[in-house]
Amino acid sequence: MAKYQVSGQSIPNIPWEAKPEGCKDVVWRYSKNPVIPRDLLPMSNSIFNSAVVPFNGEFAGVFRCDDKCRKMLIHAGRSKDGIDWNIDEEPIKFICDDKEIGKFIYAYDPRVCWIEDRYYVTWCNGYHGPTIGVAYTYDFKKFYQRENAFLPYNRNGVMFPRKINGKFAMLSRPSDTGHTAFGDIFYSESPDMTYWGKHRHVMSKGEGWQSTKIGAGPVPIETSEGWLLIYHGVLTSCNGYVYSAGAAILDINEPWKVLYRSRPYIISPQTIYECAGDVPNVVFPCAALVDADTGRIAIYYGAADTVTGIAFAYVDELIDYLKKYSM
């Protein structure tokens, strides 16, 4: 019997591997990582920082695929089991009524979130600097682009999976033009997915593994204790940035209020595919499948800005960990 309740759907076929015997960590890696290699597509240099969701009894998603020209674009993909993926060779061609908005330079680090009757896609969109692009799809074949959520500069736009107090809600990380050496997480809401306001500060950087900047990761998970948020944090080492992941619990009705936040990381770059790649020492979670019946979580994360891996956890264990080791 689960200790904490999870609001969401049953995913009996969630990708899963039991915790290895003797493992003391709250999050553990899939033994056959990486699940998506960098060269899955004929012209892909790397496939990472991508988002997946349950879809018609199987799985679908939007994937960051940097090509061999090193152009950053996003592609749709499908899978029967959430492990073996078929990703479209051509990037998503958005249907957009406004040529000004539909004309962008790059797209990367997508998230996908089911809200009410459709899947919303958010991504870092190159419109006179990085901002949050927004689109929706019903079938992962046709994608309809909406207005960008914010002015440049912004990254890590992550929707909540339902309206909060009658409004659409999103987390984001204001930024600048470069590879920012700062960043806090903010909350914003919208009545119509066009106009965003009521901006509230959620979290600042912390110490150690999250001492340079932080950013929201997968879509928050609704639990009886609050919103379970997995986020990334960055340490500036003598050899550059190190990206790890932690977790927090946000108030269910006022998500800008942090109830618990992990002082230690829950996963950091330690394997060869996380430490060696186009950008070494990166674990960057962008999606989390959650089976509401069992509390099992499958976390999809980019490794070394090159490949995609999966890690596993239980909601009960993760929340208990947060309470025990909260900041």
C-alpha atoms as a PDB file:
ATOM      1  CA  MET A   1       0.000   0.000   0.000  1.00  0.00           C
ATOM      2  CA  ALA A   2       1.438   3.371  -1.068  1.00  0.00           C
ATOM      3  CA  LYS A   3       2.154   5.825   1.720  1.00  0.00           C
ATOM      4  CA  TYR A   4       1.426   8.910  -0.406  1.00  0.00           C
ATOM      5  CA  GLN A   5      -1.305   9.287  -3.006  1.00  0.00           C
ATOM      6  CA  VAL A   6      -0.485  10.223  -6.587  1.00  0.00           C
ATOM      7  CA  SER A   7      -2.965  12.006  -8.854  1.00  0.00           C
ATOM      8  CA  GLY A   8      -2.620  10.804 -12.419  1.00  0.00           C
ATOM      9  CA  GLN A   9      -3.168   7.853 -14.668  1.00  0.00           C
ATOM     10  CA  SER A  10      -2.326   4.209 -14.322  1.00  0.00           C
ATOM     11  CA  ILE A  11       0.642   3.174 -16.461  1.00  0.00           C
ATOM     12  CA  PRO A  12       0.963  -0.580 -15.940  1.00  0.00           C
ATOM     13  CA  ASN A  13       3.498  -0.839 -18.788  1.00  0.00           C
ATOM     14  CA  ILE A  14       5.777   1.894 -17.418  1.00  0.00           C
ATOM     15  CA  PRO A  15       9.451   1.170 -18.178  1.00  0.00           C
ATOM     16  CA  TRP A  16      10.833  -0.346 -15.022  1.00  0.00           C
ATOM     17  CA  GLU A  17      13.772  -2.154 -13.500  1.00  0.00           C
ATOM     18  CA  ALA A  18      13.915  -3.103  -9.829  1.00  0.00           C
ATOM     19  CA  LYS A  19      16.424  -1.407  -7.572  1.00  0.00           C
ATOM     20  CA  PRO A  20      19.727  -3.329  -7.620  1.00  0.00           C
ATOM     21  CA  GLU A  21      20.483  -5.310  -4.509  1.00  0.00           C
ATOM     22  CA  GLY A  22      22.562  -3.256  -2.119  1.00  0.00           C
ATOM     23  CA  CYS A  23      21.718   0.073  -3.807  1.00  0.00           C
ATOM     24  CA  LYS A  24      21.407   2.783  -1.157  1.00  0.00           C
ATOM     25  CA  ASP A  25      20.393   5.593  -3.519  1.00  0.00           C
ATOM     26  CA  VAL A  26      16.835   6.902  -3.813  1.00  0.00           C
ATOM     27  CA  VAL A  27      17.202   7.022  -7.625  1.00  0.00           C
ATOM     28  CA  TRP A  28      18.861   4.289  -9.675  1.00  0.00           C
ATOM     29  CA  ARG A  29      19.818   3.982 -13.345  1.00  0.00           C
ATOM     30  CA  TYR A  30      18.539   1.589 -15.986  1.00  0.00           C
ATOM     31  CA  SER A  31      21.200  -1.067 -16.491  1.00  0.00           C
ATOM     32  CA  LYS A  32      20.961  -0.798 -20.296  1.00  0.00           C
ATOM     33  CA  ASN A  33      21.465   2.965 -20.520  1.00  0.00           C
ATOM     34  CA  PRO A  34      21.640   4.904 -22.708  1.00  0.00           C
ATOM     35  CA  VAL A  35      18.258   4.014 -24.171  1.00  0.00           C
ATOM     36  CA  ILE A  36      18.546   6.509 -27.043  1.00  0.00           C
ATOM     37  CA  PRO A  37      21.978   6.669 -28.694  1.00  0.00           C
ATOM     38  CA  ARG A  38      23.308   9.830 -30.277  1.00  0.00           C
ATOM     39  CA  ASP A  39      23.166   8.375 -33.806  1.00  0.00           C
ATOM     40  CA  LEU A  40      19.654   6.878 -33.845  1.00  0.00           C
ATOM     41  CA  LEU A  41      18.838   9.099 -36.844  1.00  0.00           C
ATOM     42  CA  PRO A  42      21.000   9.214 -40.004  1.00  0.00           C
ATOM     43  CA  MET A  43      21.808  12.903 -39.475  1.00  0.00           C
ATOM     44  CA  SER A  44      21.752  13.172 -35.682  1.00  0.00           C
ATOM     45  CA  ASN A  45      24.845  14.260 -33.796  1.00  0.00           C
ATOM     46  CA  SER A  46      23.078  13.792 -30.447  1.00  0.00           C
ATOM     47  CA  ILE A  47      19.616  13.089 -28.993  1.00  0.00           C
ATOM     48  CA  PHE A  48      19.068  14.238 -25.416  1.00  0.00           C
ATOM     49  CA  ASN A  49      17.039  16.522 -23.079  1.00  0.00           C
ATOM     50  CA  SER A  50      13.753  15.146 -24.395  1.00  0.00           C
ATOM     51  CA  ALA A  51      10.195  14.646 -23.119  1.00  0.00           C
ATOM     52  CA  VAL A  52       7.932  11.573 -23.233  1.00  0.00           C
ATOM     53  CA  VAL A  53       4.347  10.835 -22.136  1.00  0.00           C
ATOM     54  CA  PRO A  54       1.925   7.890 -22.154  1.00  0.00           C
ATOM     55  CA  PHE A  55      -0.055   7.835 -25.417  1.00  0.00           C
ATOM     56  CA  ASN A  56      -2.822   5.436 -26.470  1.00  0.00           C
ATOM     57  CA  GLY A  57      -1.518   2.630 -24.280  1.00  0.00           C
ATOM     58  CA  GLU A  58       2.017   3.176 -25.544  1.00  0.00           C
ATOM     59  CA  PHE A  59       4.340   6.194 -25.459  1.00  0.00           C
ATOM     60  CA  ALA A  60       5.093   9.289 -27.506  1.00  0.00           C
ATOM     61  CA  GLY A  61       7.360  12.262 -27.113  1.00  0.00           C
ATOM     62  CA  VAL A  62       9.252  15.240 -28.426  1.00  0.00           C
ATOM     63  CA  PHE A  63      13.010  14.898 -28.706  1.00  0.00           C
ATOM     64  CA  ARG A  64      15.905  17.291 -28.943  1.00  0.00           C
ATOM     65  CA  CYS A  65      17.942  16.199 -31.939  1.00  0.00           C
ATOM     66  CA  ASP A  66      21.036  18.232 -32.785  1.00  0.00           C
ATOM     67  CA  ASP A  67      22.021  17.389 -36.354  1.00  0.00           C
ATOM     68  CA  LYS A  68      25.444  17.046 -37.934  1.00  0.00           C
ATOM     69  CA  CYS A  69      25.364  20.720 -38.860  1.00  0.00           C
ATOM     70  CA  ARG A  70      24.826  21.244 -35.109  1.00  0.00           C
ATOM     71  CA  LYS A  71      21.428  22.823 -35.650  1.00  0.00           C
ATOM     72  CA  MET A  72      19.149  22.395 -32.630  1.00  0.00           C
ATOM     73  CA  LEU A  73      15.602  21.274 -33.502  1.00  0.00           C
ATOM     74  CA  ILE A  74      12.902  19.055 -32.008  1.00  0.00           C
ATOM     75  CA  HIS A  75      11.404  15.871 -33.489  1.00  0.00           C
ATOM     76  CA  ALA A  76       8.368  13.734 -32.653  1.00  0.00           C
ATOM     77  CA  GLY A  77       8.747  10.071 -31.738  1.00  0.00           C
ATOM     78  CA  ARG A  78       6.820   6.991 -30.659  1.00  0.00           C
ATOM     79  CA  SER A  79       7.513   3.805 -28.715  1.00  0.00           C
ATOM     80  CA  LYS A  80       5.605   0.698 -27.679  1.00  0.00           C
ATOM     81  CA  ASP A  81       7.537   0.199 -24.451  1.00  0.00           C
ATOM     82  CA  GLY A  82       9.161   3.572 -23.664  1.00  0.00           C
ATOM     83  CA  ILE A  83      12.619   2.118 -24.298  1.00  0.00           C
ATOM     84  CA  ASP A  84      12.932   1.392 -28.031  1.00  0.00           C
ATOM     85  CA  TRP A  85      12.058   4.582 -29.906  1.00  0.00           C
ATOM     86  CA  ASN A  86      11.152   5.469 -33.465  1.00  0.00           C
ATOM     87  CA  ILE A  87      11.945   9.149 -33.939  1.00  0.00           C
ATOM     88  CA  ASP A  88      10.909  11.058 -37.067  1.00  0.00           C
ATOM     89  CA  GLU A  89      13.885  11.940 -39.230  1.00  0.00           C
ATOM     90  CA  GLU A  90      12.381  15.334 -40.077  1.00  0.00           C
ATOM     91  CA  PRO A  91      11.926  17.941 -37.324  1.00  0.00           C
ATOM     92  CA  ILE A  92       8.461  19.093 -36.307  1.00  0.00           C
ATOM     93  CA  LYS A  93       6.926  21.561 -38.762  1.00  0.00           C
ATOM     94  CA  PHE A  94       4.598  23.643 -36.649  1.00  0.00           C
ATOM     95  CA  ILE A  95       1.271  24.881 -37.964  1.00  0.00           C
ATOM     96  CA  CYS A  96       1.234  28.572 -37.087  1.00  0.00           C
ATOM     97  CA  ASP A  97      -1.124  31.364 -38.175  1.00  0.00           C
ATOM     98  CA  ASP A  98       1.391  34.070 -37.306  1.00  0.00           C
ATOM     99  CA  LYS A  99       4.472  34.098 -39.540  1.00  0.00           C
ATOM    100  CA  GLU A 100       6.327  36.266 -37.058  1.00  0.00           C
ATOM    101  CA  ILE A 101       6.055  33.656 -34.313  1.00  0.00           C
ATOM    102  CA  GLY A 102       6.453  30.673 -36.619  1.00  0.00           C
ATOM    103  CA  LYS A 103       9.823  31.963 -37.809  1.00  0.00           C
ATOM    104  CA  PHE A 104      12.367  30.867 -35.212  1.00  0.00           C
ATOM    105  CA  ILE A 105      16.059  29.994 -35.306  1.00  0.00           C
ATOM    106  CA  TYR A 106      16.343  27.004 -32.983  1.00  0.00           C
ATOM    107  CA  ALA A 107      14.322  24.765 -30.679  1.00  0.00           C
ATOM    108  CA  TYR A 108      15.652  22.654 -27.829  1.00  0.00           C
ATOM    109  CA  ASP A 109      14.999  21.050 -24.419  1.00  0.00           C
ATOM    110  CA  PRO A 110      11.256  20.305 -24.851  1.00  0.00           C
ATOM    111  CA  ARG A 111       8.720  19.282 -22.227  1.00  0.00           C
ATOM    112  CA  VAL A 112       5.331  17.700 -22.909  1.00  0.00           C
ATOM    113  CA  CYS A 113       2.306  17.952 -20.613  1.00  0.00           C
ATOM    114  CA  TRP A 114      -1.252  16.598 -20.936  1.00  0.00           C
ATOM    115  CA  ILE A 115      -3.784  19.207 -19.805  1.00  0.00           C
ATOM    116  CA  GLU A 116      -7.526  18.613 -20.139  1.00  0.00           C
ATOM    117  CA  ASP A 117      -7.876  17.577 -23.800  1.00  0.00           C
ATOM    118  CA  ARG A 118      -4.480  17.929 -25.471  1.00  0.00           C
ATOM    119  CA  TYR A 119      -0.730  17.667 -25.106  1.00  0.00           C
ATOM    120  CA  TYR A 120       1.077  20.967 -24.648  1.00  0.00           C
ATOM    121  CA  VAL A 121       4.685  21.225 -25.775  1.00  0.00           C
ATOM    122  CA  THR A 122       7.042  23.857 -24.380  1.00  0.00           C
ATOM    123  CA  TRP A 123      10.636  24.358 -25.445  1.00  0.00           C
ATOM    124  CA  CYS A 124      13.486  26.850 -25.518  1.00  0.00           C
ATOM    125  CA  ASN A 125      12.654  28.800 -28.651  1.00  0.00           C
ATOM    126  CA  GLY A 126      15.074  31.025 -30.539  1.00  0.00           C
ATOM    127  CA  TYR A 127      13.146  34.256 -31.074  1.00  0.00           C
ATOM    128  CA  HIS A 128      15.613  37.151 -30.744  1.00  0.00           C
ATOM    129  CA  GLY A 129      17.179  35.191 -27.923  1.00  0.00           C
ATOM    130  CA  PRO A 130      15.961  32.178 -25.964  1.00  0.00           C
ATOM    131  CA  THR A 131      12.340  32.262 -24.839  1.00  0.00           C
ATOM    132  CA  ILE A 132       9.605  29.696 -24.141  1.00  0.00           C
ATOM    133  CA  GLY A 133       7.855  28.379 -27.238  1.00  0.00           C
ATOM    134  CA  VAL A 134       4.386  26.854 -26.819  1.00  0.00           C
ATOM    135  CA  ALA A 135       2.430  24.455 -29.026  1.00  0.00           C
ATOM    136  CA  TYR A 136      -0.144  21.718 -28.684  1.00  0.00           C
ATOM    137  CA  THR A 137      -0.917  18.426 -30.375  1.00  0.00           C
ATOM    138  CA  TYR A 138      -3.563  15.742 -30.170  1.00  0.00           C
ATOM    139  CA  ASP A 139      -1.761  13.006 -32.082  1.00  0.00           C
ATOM    140  CA  PHE A 140       1.996  13.814 -32.225  1.00  0.00           C
ATOM    141  CA  LYS A 141       1.599  14.264 -35.987  1.00  0.00           C
ATOM    142  CA  LYS A 142       0.239  17.787 -36.249  1.00  0.00           C
ATOM    143  CA  PHE A 143       1.573  20.461 -33.910  1.00  0.00           C
ATOM    144  CA  TYR A 144      -0.084  23.872 -33.569  1.00  0.00           C
ATOM    145  CA  GLN A 145       2.172  26.686 -32.405  1.00  0.00           C
ATOM    146  CA  ARG A 146       0.857  29.409 -30.102  1.00  0.00           C
ATOM    147  CA  GLU A 147       2.341  32.668 -28.870  1.00  0.00           C
ATOM    148  CA  ASN A 148       5.642  32.475 -27.036  1.00  0.00           C
ATOM    149  CA  ALA A 149       4.957  32.531 -23.312  1.00  0.00           C
ATOM    150  CA  PHE A 150       7.520  35.168 -22.340  1.00  0.00           C
ATOM    151  CA  LEU A 151       9.906  37.766 -23.643  1.00  0.00           C
ATOM    152  CA  PRO A 152      13.502  36.682 -24.162  1.00  0.00           C
ATOM    153  CA  TYR A 153      15.411  35.608 -22.180  1.00  0.00           C
ATOM    154  CA  ASN A 154      14.008  32.479 -20.615  1.00  0.00           C
ATOM    155  CA  ARG A 155      14.577  28.731 -20.457  1.00  0.00           C
ATOM    156  CA  ASN A 156      13.123  25.586 -18.858  1.00  0.00           C
ATOM    157  CA  GLY A 157       9.422  26.291 -19.361  1.00  0.00           C
ATOM    158  CA  VAL A 158       7.560  23.496 -17.541  1.00  0.00           C
ATOM    159  CA  MET A 159       3.744  23.307 -17.381  1.00  0.00           C
ATOM    160  CA  PHE A 160       1.741  21.981 -14.445  1.00  0.00           C
ATOM    161  CA  PRO A 161      -0.522  19.075 -15.501  1.00  0.00           C
ATOM    162  CA  ARG A 162      -3.747  20.841 -14.508  1.00  0.00           C
ATOM    163  CA  LYS A 163      -5.025  24.339 -13.946  1.00  0.00           C
ATOM    164  CA  ILE A 164      -4.278  25.838 -10.539  1.00  0.00           C
ATOM    165  CA  ASN A 165      -6.979  28.107  -9.130  1.00  0.00           C
ATOM    166  CA  GLY A 166      -8.553  28.122 -12.591  1.00  0.00           C
ATOM    167  CA  LYS A 167      -5.392  29.210 -14.445  1.00  0.00           C
ATOM    168  CA  PHE A 168      -2.793  27.472 -16.573  1.00  0.00           C
ATOM    169  CA  ALA A 169       0.493  27.408 -14.646  1.00  0.00           C
ATOM    170  CA  MET A 170       4.138  27.221 -15.677  1.00  0.00           C
ATOM    171  CA  LEU A 171       7.590  27.227 -14.100  1.00  0.00           C
ATOM    172  CA  SER A 172      10.471  28.895 -15.923  1.00  0.00           C
ATOM    173  CA  ARG A 173      14.010  30.166 -15.445  1.00  0.00           C
ATOM    174  CA  PRO A 174      14.722  33.756 -16.576  1.00  0.00           C
ATOM    175  CA  SER A 175      18.059  33.882 -18.324  1.00  0.00           C
ATOM    176  CA  ASP A 176      20.189  35.932 -20.711  1.00  0.00           C
ATOM    177  CA  THR A 177      21.686  35.480 -24.184  1.00  0.00           C
ATOM    178  CA  GLY A 178      24.567  33.269 -23.122  1.00  0.00           C
ATOM    179  CA  HIS A 179      25.190  30.103 -21.144  1.00  0.00           C
ATOM    180  CA  THR A 180      24.009  31.840 -18.025  1.00  0.00           C
ATOM    181  CA  ALA A 181      25.975  31.618 -14.795  1.00  0.00           C
ATOM    182  CA  PHE A 182      22.832  32.429 -12.802  1.00  0.00           C
ATOM    183  CA  GLY A 183      19.207  31.346 -12.629  1.00  0.00           C
ATOM    184  CA  ASP A 184      16.262  30.983 -10.247  1.00  0.00           C
ATOM    185  CA  ILE A 185      12.928  29.214 -10.776  1.00  0.00           C
ATOM    186  CA  PHE A 186       9.773  31.339 -11.118  1.00  0.00           C
ATOM    187  CA  TYR A 187       6.043  30.562 -11.306  1.00  0.00           C
ATOM    188  CA  SER A 188       3.668  32.227 -13.800  1.00  0.00           C
ATOM    189  CA  GLU A 189       0.017  31.728 -14.683  1.00  0.00           C
ATOM    190  CA  SER A 190      -2.290  32.431 -17.615  1.00  0.00           C
ATOM    191  CA  PRO A 191      -6.052  32.439 -18.209  1.00  0.00           C
ATOM    192  CA  ASP A 192      -5.700  31.520 -21.890  1.00  0.00           C
ATOM    193  CA  MET A 193      -2.157  30.260 -22.668  1.00  0.00           C
ATOM    194  CA  THR A 194      -1.433  33.607 -24.359  1.00  0.00           C
ATOM    195  CA  TYR A 195      -1.078  36.216 -21.627  1.00  0.00           C
ATOM    196  CA  TRP A 196       1.130  35.276 -18.688  1.00  0.00           C
ATOM    197  CA  GLY A 197       1.433  37.066 -15.366  1.00  0.00           C
ATOM    198  CA  LYS A 198       1.283  36.793 -11.570  1.00  0.00           C
ATOM    199  CA  HIS A 199       4.974  35.935 -11.610  1.00  0.00           C
ATOM    200  CA  ARG A 200       6.192  34.550  -8.292  1.00  0.00           C
ATOM    201  CA  HIS A 201       9.653  33.536  -7.156  1.00  0.00           C
ATOM    202  CA  VAL A 202       9.900  29.833  -6.260  1.00  0.00           C
ATOM    203  CA  MET A 203      13.508  28.886  -5.549  1.00  0.00           C
ATOM    204  CA  SER A 204      16.994  30.341  -5.736  1.00  0.00           C
ATOM    205  CA  LYS A 205      20.258  28.477  -6.110  1.00  0.00           C
ATOM    206  CA  GLY A 206      21.530  26.647  -3.052  1.00  0.00           C
ATOM    207  CA  GLU A 207      24.882  25.255  -2.018  1.00  0.00           C
ATOM    208  CA  GLY A 208      27.231  22.679  -3.484  1.00  0.00           C
ATOM    209  CA  TRP A 209      25.752  20.838  -6.469  1.00  0.00           C
ATOM    210  CA  GLN A 210      23.157  23.624  -7.009  1.00  0.00           C
ATOM    211  CA  SER A 211      25.312  26.643  -6.158  1.00  0.00           C
ATOM    212  CA  THR A 212      25.451  28.269  -9.619  1.00  0.00           C
ATOM    213  CA  LYS A 213      21.887  27.990 -10.967  1.00  0.00           C
ATOM    214  CA  ILE A 214      18.792  25.793 -10.995  1.00  0.00           C
ATOM    215  CA  GLY A 215      15.941  25.019 -13.410  1.00  0.00           C
ATOM    216  CA  ALA A 216      12.720  22.998 -13.449  1.00  0.00           C
ATOM    217  CA  GLY A 217      12.930  19.528 -14.984  1.00  0.00           C
ATOM    218  CA  PRO A 218       9.980  17.208 -15.691  1.00  0.00           C
ATOM    219  CA  VAL A 219       6.308  18.153 -15.344  1.00  0.00           C
ATOM    220  CA  PRO A 220       5.531  18.325 -11.593  1.00  0.00           C
ATOM    221  CA  ILE A 221       3.847  15.262 -10.074  1.00  0.00           C
ATOM    222  CA  GLU A 222       0.704  15.876  -8.024  1.00  0.00           C
ATOM    223  CA  THR A 223       0.794  14.012  -4.701  1.00  0.00           C
ATOM    224  CA  SER A 224      -1.042  14.135  -1.394  1.00  0.00           C
ATOM    225  CA  GLU A 225       1.981  16.014   0.047  1.00  0.00           C
ATOM    226  CA  GLY A 226       2.109  18.658  -2.697  1.00  0.00           C
ATOM    227  CA  TRP A 227       3.701  19.011  -6.129  1.00  0.00           C
ATOM    228  CA  LEU A 228       6.768  16.779  -6.450  1.00  0.00           C
ATOM    229  CA  LEU A 229       9.241  18.699  -8.613  1.00  0.00           C
ATOM    230  CA  ILE A 230      12.442  17.204  -9.978  1.00  0.00           C
ATOM    231  CA  TYR A 231      14.862  19.964 -10.968  1.00  0.00           C
ATOM    232  CA  HIS A 232      18.437  20.369 -12.122  1.00  0.00           C
ATOM    233  CA  GLY A 233      21.169  22.242 -10.336  1.00  0.00           C
ATOM    234  CA  VAL A 234      24.583  23.378 -11.516  1.00  0.00           C
ATOM    235  CA  LEU A 235      27.930  23.472  -9.742  1.00  0.00           C
ATOM    236  CA  THR A 236      30.821  25.483 -11.177  1.00  0.00           C
ATOM    237  CA  SER A 237      33.879  23.278 -10.733  1.00  0.00           C
ATOM    238  CA  CYS A 238      37.489  23.952 -11.657  1.00  0.00           C
ATOM    239  CA  ASN A 239      36.728  22.029 -14.872  1.00  0.00           C
ATOM    240  CA  GLY A 240      33.444  23.753 -15.762  1.00  0.00           C
ATOM    241  CA  TYR A 241      29.758  23.223 -15.067  1.00  0.00           C
ATOM    242  CA  VAL A 242      28.435  20.020 -13.460  1.00  0.00           C
ATOM    243  CA  TYR A 243      24.688  19.347 -13.862  1.00  0.00           C
ATOM    244  CA  SER A 244      22.948  17.178 -11.263  1.00  0.00           C
ATOM    245  CA  ALA A 245      19.332  16.724 -10.187  1.00  0.00           C
ATOM    246  CA  GLY A 246      17.421  17.209  -6.964  1.00  0.00           C
ATOM    247  CA  ALA A 247      13.774  17.360  -5.928  1.00  0.00           C
ATOM    248  CA  ALA A 248      11.363  19.548  -3.994  1.00  0.00           C
ATOM    249  CA  ILE A 249       7.778  19.570  -2.752  1.00  0.00           C
ATOM    250  CA  LEU A 250       5.735  22.673  -3.647  1.00  0.00           C
ATOM    251  CA  ASP A 251       2.469  23.730  -2.028  1.00  0.00           C
ATOM    252  CA  ILE A 252      -0.485  22.269  -3.938  1.00  0.00           C
ATOM    253  CA  ASN A 253      -2.451  25.548  -4.202  1.00  0.00           C
ATOM    254  CA  GLU A 254       0.418  28.045  -4.090  1.00  0.00           C
ATOM    255  CA  PRO A 255       3.271  26.311  -5.910  1.00  0.00           C
ATOM    256  CA  TRP A 256       5.665  29.207  -5.395  1.00  0.00           C
ATOM    257  CA  LYS A 257       5.861  28.101  -1.751  1.00  0.00           C
ATOM    258  CA  VAL A 258       8.504  25.418  -1.183  1.00  0.00           C
ATOM    259  CA  LEU A 259       7.674  22.912   1.556  1.00  0.00           C
ATOM    260  CA  TYR A 260      10.698  20.607   1.235  1.00  0.00           C
ATOM    261  CA  ARG A 261      13.822  20.707  -0.902  1.00  0.00           C
ATOM    262  CA  SER A 262      16.627  18.196  -1.058  1.00  0.00           C
ATOM    263  CA  ARG A 263      19.978  19.324   0.254  1.00  0.00           C
ATOM    264  CA  PRO A 264      21.822  16.399  -1.421  1.00  0.00           C
ATOM    265  CA  TYR A 265      21.354  15.627  -5.101  1.00  0.00           C
ATOM    266  CA  ILE A 266      19.282  12.584  -6.065  1.00  0.00           C
ATOM    267  CA  ILE A 267      21.402  11.771  -9.145  1.00  0.00           C
ATOM    268  CA  SER A 268      24.624  13.252 -10.504  1.00  0.00           C
ATOM    269  CA  PRO A 269      26.942  12.503 -13.455  1.00  0.00           C
ATOM    270  CA  GLN A 270      28.911   9.402 -12.487  1.00  0.00           C
ATOM    271  CA  THR A 271      28.761   6.945 -15.413  1.00  0.00           C
ATOM    272  CA  ILE A 272      30.870   7.204 -18.554  1.00  0.00           C
ATOM    273  CA  TYR A 273      27.894   8.276 -20.721  1.00  0.00           C
ATOM    274  CA  GLU A 274      27.086  11.078 -18.250  1.00  0.00           C
ATOM    275  CA  CYS A 275      30.662  12.238 -17.794  1.00  0.00           C
ATOM    276  CA  ALA A 276      31.925  11.995 -21.393  1.00  0.00           C
ATOM    277  CA  GLY A 277      30.192  13.537 -24.393  1.00  0.00           C
ATOM    278  CA  ASP A 278      29.687  16.836 -26.194  1.00  0.00           C
ATOM    279  CA  VAL A 279      29.213  18.558 -22.823  1.00  0.00           C
ATOM    280  CA  PRO A 280      30.747  16.430 -20.064  1.00  0.00           C
ATOM    281  CA  ASN A 281      29.314  15.991 -16.574  1.00  0.00           C
ATOM    282  CA  VAL A 282      25.624  16.515 -17.277  1.00  0.00           C
ATOM    283  CA  VAL A 283      22.483  14.852 -15.919  1.00  0.00           C
ATOM    284  CA  PHE A 284      19.495  16.856 -17.186  1.00  0.00           C
ATOM    285  CA  PRO A 285      15.996  15.415 -16.479  1.00  0.00           C
ATOM    286  CA  CYS A 286      13.160  16.551 -18.769  1.00  0.00           C
ATOM    287  CA  ALA A 287      10.402  13.942 -18.316  1.00  0.00           C
ATOM    288  CA  ALA A 288       9.003  11.606 -15.687  1.00  0.00           C
ATOM    289  CA  LEU A 289       6.441   8.867 -16.247  1.00  0.00           C
ATOM    290  CA  VAL A 290       4.494   8.090 -13.063  1.00  0.00           C
ATOM    291  CA  ASP A 291       2.241   5.102 -12.440  1.00  0.00           C
ATOM    292  CA  ALA A 292      -0.393   6.392 -10.033  1.00  0.00           C
ATOM    293  CA  ASP A 293      -1.247   2.869  -8.848  1.00  0.00           C
ATOM    294  CA  THR A 294       2.236   1.918  -7.658  1.00  0.00           C
ATOM    295  CA  GLY A 295       4.078   5.240  -7.334  1.00  0.00           C
ATOM    296  CA  ARG A 296       6.800   4.046  -9.694  1.00  0.00           C
ATOM    297  CA  ILE A 297       8.656   6.826 -11.552  1.00  0.00           C
ATOM    298  CA  ALA A 298      10.702   6.509 -14.752  1.00  0.00           C
ATOM    299  CA  ILE A 299      12.831   9.635 -15.225  1.00  0.00           C
ATOM    300  CA  TYR A 300      14.158  10.445 -18.703  1.00  0.00           C
ATOM    301  CA  TYR A 301      17.288  12.544 -18.699  1.00  0.00           C
ATOM    302  CA  GLY A 302      19.902  13.892 -21.069  1.00  0.00           C
ATOM    303  CA  ALA A 303      23.408  12.617 -20.405  1.00  0.00           C
ATOM    304  CA  ALA A 304      26.463  14.705 -21.320  1.00  0.00           C
ATOM    305  CA  ASP A 305      24.313  16.598 -23.895  1.00  0.00           C
ATOM    306  CA  THR A 306      24.724  13.536 -26.102  1.00  0.00           C
ATOM    307  CA  VAL A 307      22.402  10.612 -25.295  1.00  0.00           C
ATOM    308  CA  THR A 308      19.238   9.841 -23.311  1.00  0.00           C
ATOM    309  CA  GLY A 309      19.065   7.664 -20.207  1.00  0.00           C
ATOM    310  CA  ILE A 310      16.370   6.456 -17.810  1.00  0.00           C
ATOM    311  CA  ALA A 311      16.481   6.366 -14.018  1.00  0.00           C
ATOM    312  CA  PHE A 312      13.908   4.983 -11.590  1.00  0.00           C
ATOM    313  CA  ALA A 313      12.429   5.915  -8.228  1.00  0.00           C
ATOM    314  CA  TYR A 314       9.371   5.458  -6.019  1.00  0.00           C
ATOM    315  CA  VAL A 315       7.221   8.444  -5.031  1.00  0.00           C
ATOM    316  CA  ASP A 316       7.103   7.231  -1.414  1.00  0.00           C
ATOM    317  CA  GLU A 317      10.866   6.864  -1.108  1.00  0.00           C
ATOM    318  CA  LEU A 318      11.569  10.172  -2.846  1.00  0.00           C
ATOM    319  CA  ILE A 319       9.201  12.155  -0.629  1.00  0.00           C
ATOM    320  CA  ASP A 320      10.573  10.520   2.530  1.00  0.00           C
ATOM    321  CA  TYR A 321      14.089  11.340   1.300  1.00  0.00           C
ATOM    322  CA  LEU A 322      13.103  14.984   0.787  1.00  0.00           C
ATOM    323  CA  LYS A 323      11.649  15.247   4.271  1.00  0.00           C
ATOM    324  CA  LYS A 324      14.704  13.646   5.859  1.00  0.00           C
ATOM    325  CA  TYR A 325      17.290  15.689   3.960  1.00  0.00           C
ATOM    326  CA  SER A 326      15.433  18.956   3.361  1.00  0.00           C
ATOM    327  CA  MET A 327      17.252  22.293   3.242  1.00  0.00           C
END
